[in-house]
Amino acid sequence: MLLEERHGNSRAVFKALKLRQVNRRELFGKDVGEAALGDTAIQGHLAAFKSGGFSAAGAGLGTFVTLA
């Protein structure tokens, strides 16, 4: 029974220390907000939203030009 009391007490202390660490992180953590859609930090990060014009697959205008 003494062993169970010891482990129960150490678990409570461990849990209290863990909660204190979480609260400290929230207290001293950096306030980082989300970037707006147009203000991304990396160029090309949202490449799916950029328009590349109307280009079709193929050789482009070189298809219609003949070299003599």
C-alpha atoms as a PDB file:
ATOM      1  CA  MET A   1       0.000   0.000   0.000  1.00  0.00           C
ATOM      2  CA  LEU A   2       2.873   2.355   0.717  1.00  0.00           C
ATOM      3  CA  LEU A   3       4.228   1.745  -2.789  1.00  0.00           C
ATOM      4  CA  GLU A   4       0.873   2.672  -4.340  1.00  0.00           C
ATOM      5  CA  GLU A   5       0.760   5.894  -2.323  1.00  0.00           C
ATOM      6  CA  ARG A   6       4.242   6.787  -3.483  1.00  0.00           C
ATOM      7  CA  HIS A   7       3.455   6.233  -7.148  1.00  0.00           C
ATOM      8  CA  GLY A   8       0.166   8.061  -6.857  1.00  0.00           C
ATOM      9  CA  ASN A   9       1.904  11.026  -5.257  1.00  0.00           C
ATOM     10  CA  SER A  10       4.708  11.096  -7.833  1.00  0.00           C
ATOM     11  CA  ARG A  11       2.149  10.949 -10.632  1.00  0.00           C
ATOM     12  CA  ALA A  12       0.359  13.951  -9.178  1.00  0.00           C
ATOM     13  CA  VAL A  13       3.640  15.880  -8.933  1.00  0.00           C
ATOM     14  CA  PHE A  14       4.594  14.915 -12.482  1.00  0.00           C
ATOM     15  CA  LYS A  15       1.189  15.989 -13.762  1.00  0.00           C
ATOM     16  CA  ALA A  16       1.456  19.325 -11.938  1.00  0.00           C
ATOM     17  CA  LEU A  17       4.916  19.957 -13.421  1.00  0.00           C
ATOM     18  CA  LYS A  18       3.673  19.066 -16.876  1.00  0.00           C
ATOM     19  CA  LEU A  19       0.731  21.472 -16.555  1.00  0.00           C
ATOM     20  CA  ARG A  20       3.103  24.186 -15.362  1.00  0.00           C
ATOM     21  CA  GLN A  21       5.300  23.716 -18.437  1.00  0.00           C
ATOM     22  CA  VAL A  22       2.295  23.984 -20.741  1.00  0.00           C
ATOM     23  CA  ASN A  23       1.106  27.142 -19.016  1.00  0.00           C
ATOM     24  CA  ARG A  24       4.593  28.651 -19.155  1.00  0.00           C
ATOM     25  CA  ARG A  25       4.780  28.008 -22.915  1.00  0.00           C
ATOM     26  CA  GLU A  26       1.484  29.756 -23.412  1.00  0.00           C
ATOM     27  CA  LEU A  27       2.613  32.659 -21.238  1.00  0.00           C
ATOM     28  CA  PHE A  28       6.036  33.194 -22.812  1.00  0.00           C
ATOM     29  CA  GLY A  29       5.298  31.856 -26.290  1.00  0.00           C
ATOM     30  CA  LYS A  30       5.579  33.988 -29.385  1.00  0.00           C
ATOM     31  CA  ASP A  31       2.351  35.345 -30.794  1.00  0.00           C
ATOM     32  CA  VAL A  32       2.533  34.146 -34.384  1.00  0.00           C
ATOM     33  CA  GLY A  33      -0.412  34.939 -36.597  1.00  0.00           C
ATOM     34  CA  GLU A  34      -1.271  33.561 -39.985  1.00  0.00           C
ATOM     35  CA  ALA A  35      -0.042  35.327 -43.103  1.00  0.00           C
ATOM     36  CA  ALA A  36      -2.615  36.790 -45.424  1.00  0.00           C
ATOM     37  CA  LEU A  37      -3.112  34.960 -48.714  1.00  0.00           C
ATOM     38  CA  GLY A  38      -1.042  37.495 -50.675  1.00  0.00           C
ATOM     39  CA  ASP A  39       1.668  37.895 -48.018  1.00  0.00           C
ATOM     40  CA  THR A  40       3.290  34.478 -48.024  1.00  0.00           C
ATOM     41  CA  ALA A  41       6.870  34.272 -46.860  1.00  0.00           C
ATOM     42  CA  ILE A  42       8.162  32.079 -49.691  1.00  0.00           C
ATOM     43  CA  GLN A  43       7.807  32.953 -53.383  1.00  0.00           C
ATOM     44  CA  GLY A  44       5.853  30.293 -55.218  1.00  0.00           C
ATOM     45  CA  HIS A  45       4.445  28.910 -51.992  1.00  0.00           C
ATOM     46  CA  LEU A  46       0.908  29.123 -53.355  1.00  0.00           C
ATOM     47  CA  ALA A  47       1.746  28.354 -56.964  1.00  0.00           C
ATOM     48  CA  ALA A  48      -1.639  26.721 -57.519  1.00  0.00           C
ATOM     49  CA  PHE A  49      -3.340  30.108 -57.177  1.00  0.00           C
ATOM     50  CA  LYS A  50      -1.131  31.934 -59.691  1.00  0.00           C
ATOM     51  CA  SER A  51      -2.353  32.252 -63.255  1.00  0.00           C
ATOM     52  CA  GLY A  52       0.124  31.450 -65.984  1.00  0.00           C
ATOM     53  CA  GLY A  53      -1.956  32.725 -68.864  1.00  0.00           C
ATOM     54  CA  PHE A  54      -3.505  30.568 -71.545  1.00  0.00           C
ATOM     55  CA  SER A  55      -0.844  28.104 -72.563  1.00  0.00           C
ATOM     56  CA  ALA A  56      -1.517  24.713 -74.045  1.00  0.00           C
ATOM     57  CA  ALA A  57       0.839  21.787 -74.053  1.00  0.00           C
ATOM     58  CA  GLY A  58       2.984  21.483 -77.133  1.00  0.00           C
ATOM     59  CA  ALA A  59       5.678  23.378 -79.005  1.00  0.00           C
ATOM     60  CA  GLY A  60       3.832  26.704 -78.917  1.00  0.00           C
ATOM     61  CA  LEU A  61       4.091  28.997 -81.951  1.00  0.00           C
ATOM     62  CA  GLY A  62       6.958  26.910 -83.329  1.00  0.00           C
ATOM     63  CA  THR A  63       4.381  24.425 -84.575  1.00  0.00           C
ATOM     64  CA  PHE A  64       3.114  26.828 -87.250  1.00  0.00           C
ATOM     65  CA  VAL A  65       6.544  28.072 -88.413  1.00  0.00           C
ATOM     66  CA  THR A  66       8.480  26.190 -91.081  1.00  0.00           C
ATOM     67  CA  LEU A  67      12.187  26.676 -91.520  1.00  0.00           C
ATOM     68  CA  ALA A  68      13.308  26.711 -95.147  1.00  0.00           C
END
